[in-house]
C-alpha cells in the first residue's frame, strides 16, 4: 500500500512458493503460466491452478 497526495492505493502482487526452499517469491507483473523463472539457482516453471500461482522445477528434476 502507498499514499500519494492523501489517496491510498494497493497493488496486488503475484506470489508463489519456491520449489527449492521454503520461501515466498514475488513474481513479475507480466508472468504467465508456463513461463520459466530463475530462483535459487534453479529454473522453475510457473503454474496456475485453483486461483493460485506455484513454481515447480523445470524439466521435472
N, C-alpha and C. Protein backbone atom coordinates (compact mmCIF):
# COMPACT_ATOMS: atom_id res chain seq x y z
N UNK A 1 0.84 -1.17 0.00
CA UNK A 1 0.00 0.00 0.00
C UNK A 1 0.88 1.22 0.00
N UNK A 2 0.36 2.27 -0.59
CA UNK A 2 1.10 3.53 -0.60
C UNK A 2 0.13 4.69 -0.57
N UNK A 3 0.64 5.83 -0.11
CA UNK A 3 -0.17 7.04 -0.06
C UNK A 3 0.47 8.08 -0.96
N UNK A 4 -0.36 8.69 -1.78
CA UNK A 4 0.11 9.76 -2.65
C UNK A 4 -0.94 10.86 -2.66
N UNK A 5 -0.56 12.04 -2.20
CA UNK A 5 -1.46 13.19 -2.13
C UNK A 5 -2.76 12.86 -1.39
N UNK A 6 -2.63 12.15 -0.27
CA UNK A 6 -3.79 11.84 0.55
C UNK A 6 -4.64 10.69 0.07
N UNK A 7 -4.25 10.05 -1.02
CA UNK A 7 -5.00 8.91 -1.54
C UNK A 7 -4.19 7.64 -1.37
N UNK A 8 -4.83 6.63 -0.77
CA UNK A 8 -4.18 5.34 -0.57
C UNK A 8 -4.49 4.43 -1.74
N UNK A 9 -3.51 3.64 -2.12
CA UNK A 9 -3.74 2.65 -3.17
C UNK A 9 -3.02 1.36 -2.80
N UNK A 10 -3.53 0.26 -3.31
CA UNK A 10 -2.94 -1.06 -3.07
C UNK A 10 -2.62 -1.72 -4.40
N UNK A 11 -1.58 -2.50 -4.39
CA UNK A 11 -1.17 -3.23 -5.59
C UNK A 11 -1.20 -4.72 -5.26
N UNK A 12 -1.82 -5.50 -6.12
CA UNK A 12 -1.85 -6.94 -5.94
C UNK A 12 -0.56 -7.53 -6.50
N UNK A 13 0.15 -8.27 -5.67
CA UNK A 13 1.38 -8.91 -6.10
C UNK A 13 1.12 -10.37 -6.41
N UNK A 14 1.69 -10.85 -7.49
CA UNK A 14 1.62 -12.27 -7.81
C UNK A 14 2.75 -12.95 -7.04
N UNK A 15 2.40 -13.95 -6.24
CA UNK A 15 3.39 -14.65 -5.45
C UNK A 15 3.25 -16.16 -5.63
N UNK A 16 4.33 -16.87 -5.35
CA UNK A 16 4.32 -18.33 -5.40
C UNK A 16 5.39 -18.83 -4.44
N UNK A 17 5.24 -20.06 -3.98
CA UNK A 17 6.26 -20.67 -3.14
C UNK A 17 7.36 -21.25 -4.01
N UNK A 18 8.60 -21.01 -3.63
CA UNK A 18 9.75 -21.55 -4.35
C UNK A 18 9.72 -23.07 -4.25
N UNK A 19 10.08 -23.76 -5.35
CA UNK A 19 10.10 -25.22 -5.37
C UNK A 19 11.36 -25.78 -4.71
N UNK A 20 12.34 -24.92 -4.39
CA UNK A 20 13.61 -25.39 -3.85
C UNK A 20 13.69 -25.16 -2.34
N UNK A 21 13.33 -23.97 -1.89
CA UNK A 21 13.37 -23.65 -0.46
C UNK A 21 12.01 -23.14 -0.01
N UNK A 22 11.79 -23.13 1.28
CA UNK A 22 10.51 -22.67 1.83
C UNK A 22 10.52 -21.14 1.89
N UNK A 23 10.25 -20.52 0.74
CA UNK A 23 10.28 -19.06 0.64
C UNK A 23 9.23 -18.59 -0.35
N UNK A 24 8.58 -17.49 -0.04
CA UNK A 24 7.59 -16.89 -0.93
C UNK A 24 8.32 -15.99 -1.93
N UNK A 25 8.01 -16.15 -3.21
CA UNK A 25 8.66 -15.42 -4.29
C UNK A 25 7.65 -14.46 -4.91
N UNK A 26 8.03 -13.20 -5.09
CA UNK A 26 7.19 -12.23 -5.80
C UNK A 26 7.49 -12.39 -7.29
N UNK A 27 6.45 -12.70 -8.06
CA UNK A 27 6.60 -12.93 -9.49
C UNK A 27 6.48 -11.62 -10.26
N UNK A 28 7.08 -11.55 -11.46
CA UNK A 28 6.94 -10.35 -12.29
C UNK A 28 5.47 -10.09 -12.64
N UNK A 29 5.11 -8.83 -12.85
CA UNK A 29 3.73 -8.46 -13.16
C UNK A 29 3.20 -9.16 -14.40
N UNK A 30 4.07 -9.38 -15.39
CA UNK A 30 3.63 -9.94 -16.66
C UNK A 30 3.80 -11.46 -16.76
N UNK A 31 4.05 -12.13 -15.65
CA UNK A 31 4.27 -13.58 -15.67
C UNK A 31 3.01 -14.32 -16.12
N UNK A 32 3.22 -15.40 -16.85
CA UNK A 32 2.13 -16.24 -17.34
C UNK A 32 2.44 -17.69 -17.02
N UNK A 33 1.41 -18.52 -16.82
CA UNK A 33 1.66 -19.94 -16.63
C UNK A 33 2.49 -20.50 -17.78
N UNK A 34 3.47 -21.32 -17.44
CA UNK A 34 4.37 -21.88 -18.44
C UNK A 34 5.69 -21.13 -18.54
N UNK A 35 5.73 -19.89 -18.04
CA UNK A 35 6.98 -19.12 -18.06
C UNK A 35 8.01 -19.81 -17.17
N UNK A 36 9.28 -19.65 -17.52
CA UNK A 36 10.38 -20.18 -16.72
C UNK A 36 11.06 -19.00 -16.03
N UNK A 37 11.25 -19.11 -14.71
CA UNK A 37 11.98 -18.08 -13.96
C UNK A 37 13.15 -18.75 -13.25
N UNK A 38 14.13 -17.94 -12.90
CA UNK A 38 15.29 -18.41 -12.16
C UNK A 38 15.08 -18.05 -10.69
N UNK A 39 15.19 -19.05 -9.82
CA UNK A 39 15.02 -18.83 -8.39
C UNK A 39 15.96 -19.77 -7.65
N UNK A 40 16.80 -19.23 -6.78
CA UNK A 40 17.76 -20.01 -6.01
C UNK A 40 18.62 -20.90 -6.90
N UNK A 41 19.05 -20.35 -8.04
CA UNK A 41 19.94 -21.06 -8.95
C UNK A 41 19.29 -22.19 -9.73
N UNK A 42 17.96 -22.26 -9.70
CA UNK A 42 17.24 -23.33 -10.38
C UNK A 42 16.18 -22.73 -11.29
N UNK A 43 16.05 -23.28 -12.49
CA UNK A 43 14.98 -22.84 -13.37
C UNK A 43 13.68 -23.49 -12.90
N UNK A 44 12.65 -22.65 -12.75
CA UNK A 44 11.36 -23.12 -12.25
C UNK A 44 10.24 -22.65 -13.17
N UNK A 45 9.29 -23.53 -13.41
CA UNK A 45 8.16 -23.24 -14.29
C UNK A 45 7.00 -22.70 -13.45
N UNK A 46 6.37 -21.64 -13.95
CA UNK A 46 5.21 -21.05 -13.28
C UNK A 46 3.97 -21.84 -13.67
N UNK A 47 3.18 -22.23 -12.68
CA UNK A 47 1.90 -22.87 -12.93
C UNK A 47 0.80 -22.04 -12.26
N UNK A 48 -0.43 -22.25 -12.70
CA UNK A 48 -1.56 -21.54 -12.11
C UNK A 48 -2.75 -22.49 -12.08
N UNK A 49 -3.15 -22.87 -10.87
CA UNK A 49 -4.30 -23.76 -10.69
C UNK A 49 -5.07 -23.33 -9.46
N UNK A 50 -6.37 -23.49 -9.53
CA UNK A 50 -7.26 -23.20 -8.40
C UNK A 50 -7.07 -21.78 -7.87
N UNK A 51 -6.77 -20.84 -8.78
CA UNK A 51 -6.64 -19.44 -8.39
C UNK A 51 -5.34 -19.06 -7.73
N UNK A 52 -4.32 -19.92 -7.82
CA UNK A 52 -3.04 -19.62 -7.17
C UNK A 52 -1.87 -19.98 -8.08
N UNK A 53 -0.82 -19.17 -8.00
CA UNK A 53 0.41 -19.45 -8.73
C UNK A 53 1.27 -20.40 -7.91
N UNK A 54 2.05 -21.22 -8.60
CA UNK A 54 3.00 -22.12 -7.95
C UNK A 54 4.22 -22.24 -8.85
N UNK A 55 5.32 -22.69 -8.27
CA UNK A 55 6.54 -22.95 -9.03
C UNK A 55 6.89 -24.42 -8.91
N UNK A 56 7.35 -25.00 -10.01
CA UNK A 56 7.83 -26.37 -9.99
C UNK A 56 9.16 -26.39 -10.74
N UNK A 57 10.04 -27.30 -10.35
CA UNK A 57 11.33 -27.38 -11.02
C UNK A 57 11.10 -27.68 -12.49
N UNK A 58 11.73 -26.91 -13.36
CA UNK A 58 11.59 -27.10 -14.80
C UNK A 58 12.28 -28.40 -15.20
N UNK A 59 11.68 -29.13 -16.11
CA UNK A 59 12.25 -30.38 -16.57
C UNK A 59 11.98 -31.56 -15.66
N UNK A 60 11.18 -31.34 -14.61
CA UNK A 60 10.82 -32.44 -13.72
C UNK A 60 11.96 -32.96 -12.87
N UNK A 61 13.04 -32.16 -12.75
CA UNK A 61 14.20 -32.59 -11.97
C UNK A 61 13.96 -32.33 -10.51
